[in-house]
Amino acid sequence: MGVATKAWRYSGGLVLNNLDSAILKQQKPKQQSQELHSNNFFLGWKWRRPTVAVPWTLVCGLMLFSVGLISLFTGHVASDLEWYSQRLVKRTWYSKLDRVGRAPIDVWKSKFSNFYYGCSERAPHFTPAVRERLSNGYLLIATSGGLNQQRTGITDAVVVARILNATLVVPELDHHSYWKDESDFFDIFDVHWFISYLAKDVPIVKKVPEKVMRSMEKPPYTMRVPRKSEPEYYVEQVLPILLRRRVVQLTKFDYRLSNDLDEDLQKLRCRVNYHALRFTKPIRNLSQRLVTRMRKMAKRFIAVHLRFEPDMLAFSGCYYGGGDKERFELGEIRKRWKTLPDISPDEERMRGKCPLTPHEVGLLLRALGFENNTYLYVASGEIYGGEETLRPLRELFPNFYTKEMLAGEELKPFLPFSSRLAAIDYIVCDESDVFVTNNNGNMAKVLAGRRRYMGHKRTIRPNAKRLSALFTARDKMDWSTFARKVKSCQRGFMGEPEEIKPGRGEFHEFPSSCICQKPSKYYVVNKNKGDQNFTRIVNVSKAEYSNKIFGKEHEKSVLKWKNRTTSNEPVSFTEDIDHDDFLSD
C-alpha cells in the first residue's frame, strides 16, 4: 500500500547542545564560577553569584506583574518589556556574536541572512512517485478562499496525495467565495510546470481519464476532512474509501493537513509552494515590469500589504472611528460569515488582532528609521475609506505607488480577476527589499515564509499587541520617545533568522524544516586586553576571517591562524579587534 503503511515519525525541532552546561558539570565549584563568568561575556552582561538563591522564574514573574500594573495605568510603558526581558533569556549564536539585543537594527537587511539558505531537496530514501496506473486512485481537490488560502490548500493537496499513494487531479479553484473570481488553475498557475516539477514526488493529471469515469458505478465520493488532520486520519479514514471508489473528492480544502509533519513531507510542501507553483507567463511578465519600474526610480523599495479592505475589517470585528456608518457597513459584510462570534472591538485591539490603519503603518515605518524619501509599493485592493484613509500615509511617504499607477493600460486584462491581481502584488512584494505585513492573513504568512526560504529578506510584522497601546498614547510623548519605544516593540518582529524556535508557528510562515545553515564552523578567537580575556565566536572560514581583520599588516598572524591543525583551537592576539565592524559589511 506504499505510503499508507509507512510508520510516521514526528520530530520536535532542533536539539541544541548546551556546551556551557556540559563544561560546567566537569569543573570544580571554583572553576565553575570562573567559567561562567567568562562565558557570560557572550551575552554582553556580567553574572554574579547571588548570596541567596532566588528562582529566576519568581524574579521574571514579579517583573511581569509590576510592569503589567504600570502599563495598566500608563498605557505605553509595557512596550519596553521585550527589550529588557531579552537580556534574561539565552541568546542564539548570532546574537552572542553581535550583541543583537543592543545593536541598532539595519531596517533594510539582516546582516545574518547570508548564513542561511532554502533547502528542500529530496532525501536519498524518499522513494520516487508511483506510476498513475499503479496508484491507489484519483484525488480531486476543491480549494477554498482567496488566492493565497487556495495556495496553501494546493500545497497540502500534493502532500495528501503522497500520503495516500494517489494520483492528484489538478485542483479546482474556488469560484464562490467573497471575491467571485472565475479563474481556473491554468489561468493563474503554469500547469505544465506544476505537473513536470513534481513528477518525481506525486503523479498529477489534468483530469480523471474517461475510461476510469465510465467504469465507475457511482459518482466520485465527496467528503470534507477536519481541519489540520494528521496523516493517520487520511490513511485510516480516506484511504479505504479511495480504494473502494477509485475517485474521492475533498471539499473546502484549506488547512486540512496537520502543521507538524515528517521532515520529508515538510520539504515536499516547500518544493510545491516555492518551486512548483509558478504563476503564468502573462502574470510574471507584467509583475517583473512593475518591479523594473520601481527599481528605475529607487535602488531599493518597501512593499506594504495594507490589507485594509472592507472584508478584512469586517472579519476582524474591529472599529476604526467611523461611527454608525462604519458599524452598519462592516456589520452587513460580517453577516456573510455565519459562524463568527460577537466580539468586543476594544478587546480585539488590545489582543493585537486589528490591522493597523494606513496612518499607523506610516508612523511605524518612520519610527523604525525609514526616511520620507523612501519608495513604497502598496499592495492592496479597495481601501475602506478610499483616498481619505490613504492620505496620511501618502504625506509620510510621498513616493507612493500601486500596481494601478505603475501599469496603467497594461492592467486592464487582469482587472476583472481578483486572484490574478493578487498574484501581481504577490510577485512585486516578493521582489521588494523590505516587505511589511499588516495582519496575520494568508498572503502575509505565505510571503513571509517564502522570503525566509529565499534568503531571509527583511520582512516586518507589526507587533500589534504592543503597538496598540503606543498608538493610543502617542500624543503624550515626543517623537524620539515614541520612535524608541516602537523599535523596542519590534524586536523579534523584523524577520531575523531564528526569531522563532524551529517547529513553532504555522509552517507556511516559518518553514524551518526547509531552511539550512551554511556549512561553516565556529571559530573561537581570544584577545587579551589588560587582565581580562575576551572570547568571541565567529562563523566564517579561517582565511575569510584573517584576511578581513588582519590583512597584509598581520601576515604572520594570518599564517599562524591558517596553519592551525585544529579548526576550533583558540588563537591569542593582542590587537583590539572590532568584530562589530567586521560583521557590519
Protein backbone atom coordinates (compact mmCIF):
# COMPACT_ATOMS: atom_id res chain seq x y z
CA MET A 1 0.00 0.00 0.00
CA GLY A 2 3.09 2.21 -0.27
CA VAL A 3 2.95 5.29 1.88
CA ALA A 4 -0.24 4.04 3.52
CA THR A 5 1.74 1.55 5.58
CA LYS A 6 4.54 3.93 6.43
CA ALA A 7 5.30 4.43 10.11
CA TRP A 8 5.10 8.17 10.53
CA ARG A 9 7.53 9.86 12.80
CA TYR A 10 7.49 13.37 14.15
CA SER A 11 10.39 15.47 15.22
CA GLY A 12 10.21 18.05 17.96
CA GLY A 13 12.53 20.56 16.32
CA LEU A 14 16.24 21.08 16.73
CA VAL A 15 18.05 19.69 19.74
CA LEU A 16 20.58 22.24 20.85
CA ASN A 17 23.70 21.18 22.71
CA ASN A 18 24.36 23.32 25.76
CA LEU A 19 28.13 23.48 25.58
CA ASP A 20 28.41 25.79 28.57
CA SER A 21 26.46 23.38 30.81
CA ALA A 22 28.47 20.38 29.66
CA ILE A 23 31.73 22.16 30.52
CA LEU A 24 30.50 23.41 33.85
CA LYS A 25 29.43 19.94 35.02
CA GLN A 26 33.02 18.73 34.69
CA GLN A 27 34.56 21.59 36.67
CA LYS A 28 35.10 22.13 40.39
CA PRO A 29 32.92 24.72 42.12
CA LYS A 30 35.61 27.40 41.91
CA GLN A 31 36.25 26.62 38.25
CA GLN A 32 32.51 26.70 37.61
CA SER A 33 32.32 30.27 38.84
CA GLN A 34 35.28 31.34 36.68
CA GLU A 35 33.97 29.58 33.58
CA LEU A 36 30.50 31.02 33.97
CA HIS A 37 31.97 34.49 34.45
CA SER A 38 33.97 34.11 31.23
CA ASN A 39 31.16 32.65 29.14
CA ASN A 40 28.71 35.34 30.12
CA PHE A 41 30.71 37.84 28.09
CA PHE A 42 28.95 36.24 25.10
CA LEU A 43 25.73 37.79 26.32
CA GLY A 44 27.26 41.18 26.95
CA TRP A 45 26.33 41.26 30.66
CA LYS A 46 28.13 40.08 33.77
CA TRP A 47 26.60 37.46 36.08
CA ARG A 48 27.47 37.50 39.78
CA ARG A 49 26.75 34.64 42.09
CA PRO A 50 23.85 35.66 44.37
CA THR A 51 24.20 35.34 48.07
CA VAL A 52 20.64 33.96 48.31
CA ALA A 53 19.30 31.52 45.74
CA VAL A 54 16.20 33.11 44.18
CA PRO A 55 14.47 31.31 41.28
CA TRP A 56 14.62 33.25 38.04
CA THR A 57 11.00 32.31 37.39
CA LEU A 58 9.99 34.21 40.52
CA VAL A 59 12.05 37.27 39.54
CA CYS A 60 10.63 37.30 36.00
CA GLY A 61 7.11 36.77 37.31
CA LEU A 62 7.41 39.73 39.67
CA MET A 63 8.81 41.87 36.84
CA LEU A 64 5.95 40.95 34.53
CA PHE A 65 3.39 41.65 37.26
CA SER A 66 4.94 45.04 38.12
CA VAL A 67 5.24 46.20 34.51
CA GLY A 68 1.71 44.99 33.84
CA LEU A 69 0.38 47.16 36.65
CA ILE A 70 2.32 50.18 35.41
CA SER A 71 1.16 49.55 31.85
CA LEU A 72 -2.43 49.31 33.02
CA PHE A 73 -2.32 52.91 34.26
CA THR A 74 0.03 54.49 31.72
CA GLY A 75 -0.94 52.64 28.55
CA HIS A 76 2.51 52.70 26.98
CA VAL A 77 5.23 51.57 29.39
CA ALA A 78 4.93 47.83 28.73
CA SER A 79 6.45 48.19 25.29
CA ASP A 80 9.89 48.27 26.89
CA LEU A 81 9.37 44.86 28.50
CA GLU A 82 10.59 42.93 25.47
CA TRP A 83 13.78 44.98 25.39
CA TYR A 84 14.69 44.19 28.99
CA SER A 85 13.41 40.61 29.03
CA GLN A 86 15.65 39.72 26.10
CA ARG A 87 18.65 40.21 28.37
CA LEU A 88 17.41 37.41 30.65
CA VAL A 89 16.96 34.70 28.03
CA LYS A 90 19.53 32.57 26.28
CA ARG A 91 20.75 34.05 23.03
CA THR A 92 21.10 32.35 19.67
CA TRP A 93 24.69 32.06 18.44
CA TYR A 94 24.48 35.08 16.17
CA SER A 95 23.01 37.22 18.96
CA LYS A 96 26.03 36.37 21.08
CA LEU A 97 28.23 37.19 18.16
CA ASP A 98 27.00 40.70 17.50
CA ARG A 99 25.02 41.66 20.61
CA VAL A 100 21.85 41.89 18.51
CA GLY A 101 19.81 42.66 21.63
CA ARG A 102 21.53 46.06 21.92
CA ALA A 103 22.85 46.94 18.48
CA PRO A 104 20.74 49.11 16.14
CA ILE A 105 18.84 47.09 13.55
CA ASP A 106 19.55 47.59 9.87
CA VAL A 107 15.99 48.13 8.67
CA TRP A 108 16.83 47.17 5.09
CA LYS A 109 18.59 43.86 5.54
CA SER A 110 19.57 41.36 8.22
CA LYS A 111 23.33 41.02 8.43
CA PHE A 112 22.84 37.34 9.32
CA SER A 113 20.69 36.42 6.33
CA ASN A 114 23.71 35.20 4.37
CA PHE A 115 24.26 32.39 6.88
CA TYR A 116 21.04 30.62 5.77
CA TYR A 117 19.55 29.20 2.59
CA GLY A 118 16.47 27.31 1.45
CA CYS A 119 16.90 23.53 1.28
CA SER A 120 14.05 21.31 0.11
CA GLU A 121 15.82 18.63 -1.91
CA ARG A 122 14.50 15.08 -1.81
CA ALA A 123 16.33 12.85 0.64
CA PRO A 124 18.02 9.73 -0.83
CA HIS A 125 15.49 7.49 0.93
CA PHE A 126 12.49 9.42 -0.46
CA THR A 127 11.02 6.90 -2.89
CA PRO A 128 10.06 8.03 -6.41
CA ALA A 129 6.41 8.65 -7.21
CA VAL A 130 4.31 5.63 -8.10
CA ARG A 131 3.03 5.44 -11.66
CA GLU A 132 -0.50 6.63 -12.27
CA ARG A 133 -1.87 3.19 -13.17
CA LEU A 134 -0.36 1.68 -10.00
CA SER A 135 -1.63 4.36 -7.64
CA ASN A 136 -4.47 3.82 -5.18
CA GLY A 137 -6.87 6.04 -7.10
CA TYR A 138 -7.54 9.64 -8.10
CA LEU A 139 -7.76 12.52 -5.64
CA LEU A 140 -9.94 15.52 -6.54
CA ILE A 141 -9.44 18.72 -4.56
CA ALA A 142 -11.79 21.71 -4.29
CA THR A 143 -9.89 24.63 -2.72
CA SER A 144 -11.42 27.47 -0.73
CA GLY A 145 -10.86 31.18 -0.15
CA GLY A 146 -8.69 33.77 -1.87
CA LEU A 147 -5.51 33.21 -3.86
CA ASN A 148 -3.11 32.55 -1.00
CA GLN A 149 -5.55 30.48 1.03
CA GLN A 150 -6.01 28.33 -2.06
CA ARG A 151 -2.25 28.19 -2.49
CA THR A 152 -1.86 26.57 0.92
CA GLY A 153 -4.64 24.13 0.01
CA ILE A 154 -2.90 23.15 -3.23
CA THR A 155 0.38 22.67 -1.39
CA ASP A 156 -1.23 20.37 1.17
CA ALA A 157 -3.18 18.54 -1.54
CA VAL A 158 0.09 17.35 -3.11
CA VAL A 159 1.29 16.09 0.28
CA VAL A 160 -2.01 14.29 0.94
CA ALA A 161 -1.78 12.61 -2.48
CA ARG A 162 1.67 11.41 -1.49
CA ILE A 163 0.36 10.10 1.86
CA LEU A 164 -2.47 8.21 0.10
CA ASN A 165 -0.24 6.97 -2.71
CA ALA A 166 -2.81 8.53 -5.05
CA THR A 167 -2.81 10.35 -8.37
CA LEU A 168 -3.66 14.03 -7.88
CA VAL A 169 -6.01 15.71 -10.33
CA VAL A 170 -5.11 19.39 -10.88
CA PRO A 171 -7.03 21.17 -8.08
CA GLU A 172 -10.22 23.10 -8.74
CA LEU A 173 -10.15 26.73 -7.62
CA ASP A 174 -12.89 28.44 -5.61
CA HIS A 175 -15.37 30.41 -7.74
CA HIS A 176 -17.93 31.08 -4.99
CA SER A 177 -16.03 32.92 -2.27
CA TYR A 178 -16.28 36.63 -1.43
CA TRP A 179 -14.11 37.58 -4.41
CA LYS A 180 -16.23 35.77 -7.07
CA ASP A 181 -13.23 35.10 -9.31
CA GLU A 182 -13.93 32.71 -12.20
CA SER A 183 -10.23 31.98 -12.83
CA ASP A 184 -9.19 28.34 -13.14
CA PHE A 185 -5.88 26.79 -12.15
CA PHE A 186 -4.34 27.21 -15.60
CA ASP A 187 -5.33 30.92 -15.66
CA ILE A 188 -3.12 31.64 -12.64
CA PHE A 189 -0.51 28.88 -12.40
CA ASP A 190 1.72 27.29 -15.02
CA VAL A 191 0.02 23.89 -15.04
CA HIS A 192 2.62 22.14 -17.22
CA TRP A 193 5.44 23.30 -14.95
CA PHE A 194 3.43 22.20 -11.91
CA ILE A 195 2.96 18.67 -13.23
CA SER A 196 6.50 18.20 -14.52
CA TYR A 197 8.28 19.69 -11.48
CA LEU A 198 6.50 17.30 -9.10
CA ALA A 199 6.68 14.24 -11.35
CA LYS A 200 9.18 12.54 -9.02
CA ASP A 201 7.00 13.20 -5.97
CA VAL A 202 3.39 12.63 -7.00
CA PRO A 203 1.66 11.66 -10.27
CA ILE A 204 -0.55 14.58 -11.39
CA VAL A 205 -3.09 14.63 -14.23
CA LYS A 206 -5.33 17.36 -15.60
CA LYS A 207 -8.49 15.26 -15.25
CA VAL A 208 -9.66 11.77 -14.40
CA PRO A 209 -9.35 9.56 -17.52
CA GLU A 210 -12.63 8.92 -19.34
CA LYS A 211 -12.05 5.17 -19.13
CA VAL A 212 -11.95 5.35 -15.33
CA MET A 213 -15.05 7.55 -15.15
CA ARG A 214 -17.05 5.18 -17.36
CA SER A 215 -16.04 2.19 -15.26
CA MET A 216 -17.33 3.77 -12.04
CA GLU A 217 -20.71 2.56 -10.80
CA LYS A 218 -21.23 5.69 -8.68
CA PRO A 219 -20.07 9.31 -8.99
CA PRO A 220 -16.90 10.34 -7.09
CA TYR A 221 -17.27 10.14 -3.34
CA THR A 222 -17.28 13.63 -1.77
CA MET A 223 -16.15 14.34 1.78
CA ARG A 224 -14.72 17.10 3.94
CA VAL A 225 -11.94 16.25 6.36
CA PRO A 226 -11.44 18.07 9.68
CA ARG A 227 -9.01 20.98 9.79
CA LYS A 228 -5.36 20.13 10.43
CA SER A 229 -5.90 16.38 10.23
CA GLU A 230 -2.95 14.11 10.93
CA PRO A 231 -1.57 11.80 8.20
CA GLU A 232 -3.03 8.85 10.12
CA TYR A 233 -6.52 10.27 9.62
CA TYR A 234 -6.09 10.21 5.85
CA VAL A 235 -4.70 6.69 5.96
CA GLU A 236 -7.44 5.36 8.24
CA GLN A 237 -10.48 7.34 7.03
CA VAL A 238 -9.86 8.44 3.43
CA LEU A 239 -7.72 5.65 2.00
CA PRO A 240 -10.27 2.81 2.46
CA ILE A 241 -12.89 4.88 0.60
CA LEU A 242 -10.39 5.70 -2.14
CA LEU A 243 -9.56 2.02 -2.61
CA ARG A 244 -13.26 1.14 -2.88
CA ARG A 245 -14.43 4.03 -5.07
CA ARG A 246 -11.25 4.80 -7.07
CA VAL A 247 -12.06 8.56 -7.09
CA VAL A 248 -12.51 10.75 -4.00
CA GLN A 249 -13.14 14.50 -3.84
CA LEU A 250 -12.11 16.54 -0.78
CA THR A 251 -14.05 19.83 -0.49
CA LYS A 252 -13.27 23.16 1.21
CA PHE A 253 -9.65 22.06 1.22
CA ASP A 254 -7.83 24.74 3.20
CA TYR A 255 -5.61 23.98 6.20
CA ARG A 256 -6.89 20.40 6.24
CA LEU A 257 -3.47 18.90 6.94
CA SER A 258 -1.53 18.99 10.20
CA ASN A 259 1.07 21.70 10.67
CA ASP A 260 3.62 19.20 12.03
CA LEU A 261 4.70 16.51 9.60
CA ASP A 262 7.60 14.23 8.89
CA GLU A 263 10.57 16.26 7.62
CA ASP A 264 10.39 14.64 4.17
CA LEU A 265 6.78 15.76 3.78
CA GLN A 266 7.61 19.25 5.04
CA LYS A 267 10.28 19.52 2.37
CA LEU A 268 7.72 18.36 -0.18
CA ARG A 269 5.50 21.22 0.97
CA CYS A 270 8.37 23.61 0.24
CA ARG A 271 9.01 22.12 -3.21
CA VAL A 272 5.36 22.68 -4.07
CA ASN A 273 4.96 26.14 -2.58
CA TYR A 274 8.29 27.72 -3.52
CA HIS A 275 9.08 25.96 -6.80
CA ALA A 276 6.20 24.09 -8.44
CA LEU A 277 3.51 26.77 -8.03
CA ARG A 278 4.80 29.19 -10.64
CA PHE A 279 2.47 31.86 -12.00
CA THR A 280 1.58 32.01 -15.70
CA LYS A 281 3.82 33.91 -18.07
CA PRO A 282 1.50 36.94 -18.55
CA ILE A 283 1.32 37.44 -14.78
CA ARG A 284 5.09 37.02 -14.34
CA ASN A 285 5.95 39.35 -17.22
CA LEU A 286 3.74 42.23 -16.06
CA SER A 287 4.89 41.83 -12.46
CA GLN A 288 8.55 41.96 -13.46
CA ARG A 289 7.92 45.13 -15.49
CA LEU A 290 6.45 46.74 -12.38
CA VAL A 291 9.49 45.70 -10.34
CA THR A 292 11.78 47.13 -13.01
CA ARG A 293 9.91 50.44 -12.94
CA MET A 294 10.25 50.64 -9.18
CA ARG A 295 13.98 49.87 -9.42
CA LYS A 296 14.50 52.61 -12.01
CA MET A 297 13.14 55.15 -9.54
CA ALA A 298 14.96 53.79 -6.49
CA LYS A 299 17.65 51.19 -5.85
CA ARG A 300 15.55 49.72 -3.08
CA PHE A 301 11.91 49.94 -2.07
CA ILE A 302 9.41 48.76 0.52
CA ALA A 303 6.30 46.76 -0.32
CA VAL A 304 3.42 47.20 2.12
CA HIS A 305 0.48 44.82 2.20
CA LEU A 306 -2.07 47.14 3.77
CA ARG A 307 -4.96 44.64 3.91
CA PHE A 308 -7.38 47.38 4.86
CA GLU A 309 -10.19 46.25 2.60
CA PRO A 310 -13.82 46.14 3.86
CA ASP A 311 -13.94 42.33 4.03
CA MET A 312 -10.82 42.20 6.22
CA LEU A 313 -12.09 44.85 8.61
CA ALA A 314 -15.48 43.19 8.82
CA PHE A 315 -13.92 39.79 9.50
CA SER A 316 -11.68 41.24 12.23
CA GLY A 317 -14.62 42.81 14.07
CA CYS A 318 -12.53 45.91 14.81
CA TYR A 319 -13.74 49.51 14.94
CA TYR A 320 -11.87 52.48 13.42
CA GLY A 321 -13.89 55.51 14.48
CA GLY A 322 -16.28 55.78 11.53
CA GLY A 323 -19.41 55.95 13.67
CA ASP A 324 -22.74 54.31 12.85
CA LYS A 325 -21.96 54.30 9.12
CA GLU A 326 -18.88 52.13 9.63
CA ARG A 327 -20.65 49.84 12.10
CA PHE A 328 -23.53 49.26 9.69
CA GLU A 329 -21.43 48.73 6.55
CA LEU A 330 -18.92 46.35 8.14
CA GLY A 331 -21.68 44.64 10.13
CA GLU A 332 -23.53 43.78 6.92
CA ILE A 333 -20.40 42.28 5.40
CA ARG A 334 -19.68 40.34 8.59
CA LYS A 335 -23.04 38.56 8.29
CA ARG A 336 -21.60 36.57 5.39
CA TRP A 337 -19.62 34.51 7.92
CA LYS A 338 -22.39 32.91 9.93
CA THR A 339 -20.06 31.23 12.41
CA LEU A 340 -18.26 34.39 13.58
CA PRO A 341 -18.95 35.18 17.26
CA ASP A 342 -19.83 38.57 18.73
CA ILE A 343 -16.64 40.21 19.95
CA SER A 344 -15.52 43.43 21.60
CA PRO A 345 -13.57 45.72 19.21
CA ASP A 346 -11.58 47.20 22.12
CA GLU A 347 -10.57 43.75 23.38
CA GLU A 348 -9.56 42.68 19.87
CA ARG A 349 -7.33 45.72 19.54
CA MET A 350 -5.69 45.05 22.91
CA ARG A 351 -5.05 41.46 21.79
CA GLY A 352 -3.33 42.73 18.62
CA LYS A 353 -5.97 41.30 16.28
CA CYS A 354 -6.82 44.55 14.49
CA PRO A 355 -4.98 45.58 11.29
CA LEU A 356 -3.16 48.89 11.62
CA THR A 357 -4.61 51.85 9.77
CA PRO A 358 -2.55 53.17 6.81
CA HIS A 359 -1.58 56.13 9.03
CA GLU A 360 -0.33 53.80 11.76
CA VAL A 361 1.66 51.79 9.22
CA GLY A 362 3.33 55.01 8.09
CA LEU A 363 4.14 56.04 11.66
CA LEU A 364 5.60 52.58 12.33
CA LEU A 365 7.91 52.79 9.31
CA ARG A 366 9.08 56.31 10.08
CA ALA A 367 9.73 55.37 13.72
CA LEU A 368 11.81 52.39 12.60
CA GLY A 369 14.04 54.73 10.61
CA PHE A 370 12.71 54.73 7.04
CA GLU A 371 13.06 58.23 5.65
CA ASN A 372 10.48 60.45 3.97
CA ASN A 373 12.04 59.84 0.52
CA THR A 374 11.68 56.03 0.73
CA TYR A 375 9.74 54.47 -2.15
CA LEU A 376 6.63 52.49 -1.23
CA TYR A 377 4.77 49.93 -3.28
CA VAL A 378 1.35 49.46 -1.72
CA ALA A 379 -0.30 46.10 -2.38
CA SER A 380 -3.97 46.33 -1.69
CA GLY A 381 -7.45 46.01 -3.05
CA GLU A 382 -10.18 48.56 -2.35
CA ILE A 383 -9.15 50.53 0.76
CA TYR A 384 -12.01 51.14 3.17
CA GLY A 385 -12.49 54.91 3.23
CA GLY A 386 -10.66 55.45 -0.07
CA GLU A 387 -8.26 58.35 -0.57
CA GLU A 388 -9.16 59.96 2.74
CA THR A 389 -7.86 56.88 4.57
CA LEU A 390 -4.68 56.77 2.47
CA ARG A 391 -3.85 60.50 2.71
CA PRO A 392 -1.82 60.33 5.98
CA LEU A 393 0.35 57.52 4.58
CA ARG A 394 0.95 59.47 1.36
CA GLU A 395 2.02 62.50 3.39
CA LEU A 396 4.52 60.43 5.36
CA PHE A 397 5.81 58.73 2.17
CA PRO A 398 5.15 60.86 -0.95
CA ASN A 399 6.85 58.27 -3.21
CA PHE A 400 3.75 56.10 -3.07
CA TYR A 401 2.93 53.63 -5.87
CA THR A 402 0.41 50.90 -6.62
CA LYS A 403 0.07 48.42 -9.46
CA GLU A 404 -2.64 50.63 -10.97
CA MET A 405 -0.28 53.63 -11.02
CA LEU A 406 2.65 51.67 -12.46
CA ALA A 407 0.85 49.51 -15.03
CA GLY A 408 -1.82 51.80 -16.46
CA GLU A 409 -3.50 50.26 -19.52
CA GLU A 410 -1.44 47.07 -19.19
CA LEU A 411 -3.51 46.11 -16.17
CA LYS A 412 -6.87 46.12 -17.98
CA PRO A 413 -6.93 42.40 -18.95
CA PHE A 414 -6.43 41.47 -15.28
CA LEU A 415 -8.95 43.87 -13.67
CA PRO A 416 -11.97 41.50 -13.67
CA PHE A 417 -9.99 38.82 -11.81
CA SER A 418 -9.07 39.46 -8.18
CA SER A 419 -6.81 36.40 -7.91
CA ARG A 420 -4.68 37.48 -10.88
CA LEU A 421 -4.37 40.97 -9.41
CA ALA A 422 -3.34 39.38 -6.11
CA ALA A 423 -0.73 37.32 -7.97
CA ILE A 424 0.81 40.51 -9.38
CA ASP A 425 1.01 42.01 -5.88
CA TYR A 426 2.50 38.74 -4.62
CA ILE A 427 5.41 38.87 -7.08
CA VAL A 428 6.19 42.57 -6.55
CA CYS A 429 6.08 42.15 -2.77
CA ASP A 430 8.35 39.12 -3.02
CA GLU A 431 10.88 41.08 -5.09
CA SER A 432 10.92 44.07 -2.74
CA ASP A 433 13.83 44.79 -0.40
CA VAL A 434 11.51 45.04 2.60
CA PHE A 435 8.06 43.53 2.92
CA VAL A 436 5.70 44.92 5.56
CA THR A 437 2.63 42.93 6.56
CA ASN A 438 -0.37 44.45 8.28
CA ASN A 439 -2.17 41.40 9.55
CA ASN A 440 -1.61 37.70 10.04
CA GLY A 441 -3.60 36.72 6.96
CA ASN A 442 -2.79 34.19 4.29
CA MET A 443 -0.73 36.42 1.99
CA ALA A 444 1.30 37.70 4.93
CA LYS A 445 2.05 34.16 6.12
CA VAL A 446 2.81 32.68 2.71
CA LEU A 447 5.05 35.56 1.62
CA ALA A 448 6.85 35.71 4.96
CA GLY A 449 7.65 32.00 4.65
CA ARG A 450 8.82 32.38 1.07
CA ARG A 451 11.08 35.32 1.90
CA ARG A 452 12.66 33.32 4.73
CA TYR A 453 13.20 30.42 2.37
CA MET A 454 14.69 32.67 -0.31
CA GLY A 455 17.37 34.15 1.94
CA HIS A 456 15.69 35.81 4.89
CA LYS A 457 14.83 39.00 3.05
CA ARG A 458 13.67 41.62 5.53
CA THR A 459 10.02 41.03 6.48
CA ILE A 460 8.45 43.28 9.12
CA ARG A 461 5.42 42.12 11.10
CA PRO A 462 3.85 44.83 13.27
CA ASN A 463 3.76 43.75 16.90
CA ALA A 464 0.18 44.97 17.02
CA LYS A 465 -0.43 43.86 20.59
CA ARG A 466 2.35 46.11 21.92
CA LEU A 467 1.90 48.86 19.36
CA SER A 468 -1.80 49.39 20.08
CA ALA A 469 -1.03 50.96 23.48
CA LEU A 470 1.71 53.09 21.93
CA PHE A 471 -0.52 54.47 19.17
CA THR A 472 -3.20 55.26 21.74
CA ALA A 473 -0.73 57.24 23.86
CA ARG A 474 1.44 58.73 21.11
CA ASP A 475 0.16 62.27 21.75
CA LYS A 476 1.50 62.05 25.31
CA MET A 477 5.15 61.63 24.29
CA ASP A 478 7.65 63.31 21.99
CA TRP A 479 8.70 61.74 18.70
CA SER A 480 12.08 60.44 19.91
CA THR A 481 10.43 58.62 22.81
CA PHE A 482 7.76 57.19 20.52
CA ALA A 483 10.36 56.01 17.98
CA ARG A 484 12.49 54.41 20.70
CA LYS A 485 9.50 52.52 22.07
CA VAL A 486 8.44 51.38 18.58
CA LYS A 487 11.91 49.98 17.93
CA SER A 488 11.76 48.20 21.27
CA CYS A 489 8.35 46.73 20.42
CA GLN A 490 9.51 45.49 17.04
CA ARG A 491 12.48 43.45 18.23
CA GLY A 492 11.63 39.90 17.33
CA PHE A 493 9.26 41.02 14.57
CA MET A 494 11.79 42.15 11.95
CA GLY A 495 12.31 38.90 10.05
CA GLU A 496 15.64 37.99 11.62
CA PRO A 497 16.75 34.34 11.41
CA GLU A 498 15.69 32.20 14.36
CA GLU A 499 13.16 34.73 15.67
CA ILE A 500 11.03 31.72 16.50
CA LYS A 501 12.01 28.24 17.67
CA PRO A 502 12.16 25.68 14.84
CA GLY A 503 8.88 23.80 14.67
CA ARG A 504 6.86 26.61 16.27
CA GLY A 505 4.24 28.66 14.43
CA GLU A 506 2.47 27.94 11.14
CA PHE A 507 4.74 26.02 8.79
CA HIS A 508 3.73 28.14 5.80
CA GLU A 509 5.05 31.17 7.68
CA PHE A 510 8.04 29.52 9.39
CA PRO A 511 9.24 26.68 7.12
CA SER A 512 12.07 25.69 9.49
CA SER A 513 12.49 22.18 8.01
CA CYS A 514 13.42 23.80 4.69
CA ILE A 515 15.93 26.37 5.96
CA CYS A 516 19.52 25.28 6.44
CA GLN A 517 22.55 26.99 7.89
CA LYS A 518 25.52 27.33 5.61
CA PRO A 519 28.30 24.82 6.37
CA SER A 520 30.81 26.85 8.34
CA LYS A 521 32.30 26.01 11.72
CA TYR A 522 32.53 28.04 14.89
CA TYR A 523 35.97 29.52 15.46
CA VAL A 524 36.96 30.94 18.81
CA VAL A 525 39.32 33.89 18.94
CA ASN A 526 40.77 35.05 22.26
CA LYS A 527 42.06 38.58 22.53
CA ASN A 528 43.87 39.80 25.61
CA LYS A 529 43.01 43.21 26.98
CA GLY A 530 44.62 44.02 30.30
CA ASP A 531 43.84 41.38 32.88
CA GLN A 532 40.69 40.19 31.13
CA ASN A 533 40.35 37.59 28.41
CA PHE A 534 37.56 38.30 25.92
CA THR A 535 36.24 35.40 23.82
CA ARG A 536 34.11 35.82 20.70
CA ILE A 537 32.63 33.27 18.30
CA VAL A 538 32.98 33.90 14.59
CA ASN A 539 31.07 31.92 11.96
CA VAL A 540 33.41 32.30 8.98
CA SER A 541 36.29 30.42 7.45
CA LYS A 542 39.79 30.95 8.81
CA ALA A 543 41.03 32.58 5.64
CA GLU A 544 38.00 34.83 5.35
CA TYR A 545 38.33 35.98 8.96
CA SER A 546 42.06 36.58 8.86
CA ASN A 547 42.00 38.39 5.53
CA LYS A 548 39.14 40.59 6.64
CA ILE A 549 40.52 41.54 10.04
CA PHE A 550 44.29 41.49 9.72
CA GLY A 551 45.12 41.77 6.02
CA LYS A 552 48.75 42.14 4.93
CA GLU A 553 49.77 44.08 8.04
CA HIS A 554 49.43 40.94 10.15
CA GLU A 555 50.74 38.36 7.71
CA LYS A 556 52.47 36.34 10.43
CA SER A 557 49.31 36.13 12.48
CA VAL A 558 47.35 35.14 9.41
CA LEU A 559 49.77 32.35 8.59
CA LYS A 560 49.73 31.21 12.20
CA TRP A 561 45.93 31.12 12.03
CA LYS A 562 45.77 29.30 8.71
CA ASN A 563 48.34 26.70 9.75
CA ARG A 564 46.42 25.59 12.83
CA THR A 565 45.68 21.87 12.70
CA THR A 566 42.57 22.04 14.88
CA SER A 567 39.77 24.11 13.41
CA ASN A 568 38.49 25.41 16.73
CA GLU A 569 41.80 25.86 18.53
CA PRO A 570 42.00 29.29 20.19
CA VAL A 571 44.50 31.81 18.88
CA SER A 572 45.55 34.77 21.02
CA PHE A 573 46.14 38.24 19.61
CA THR A 574 46.99 41.45 21.41
CA GLU A 575 45.25 43.63 18.80
CA ASP A 576 41.91 45.13 19.75
CA ILE A 577 39.74 43.60 17.02
CA ASP A 578 36.47 45.36 16.26
CA HIS A 579 34.21 42.40 15.49
CA ASP A 580 31.16 44.61 15.03
CA ASP A 581 32.80 46.47 12.16
CA PHE A 582 33.80 43.14 10.68
CA LEU A 583 30.23 41.85 10.68
CA SER A 584 28.56 45.06 9.55
CA ASP A 585 29.58 44.72 5.90
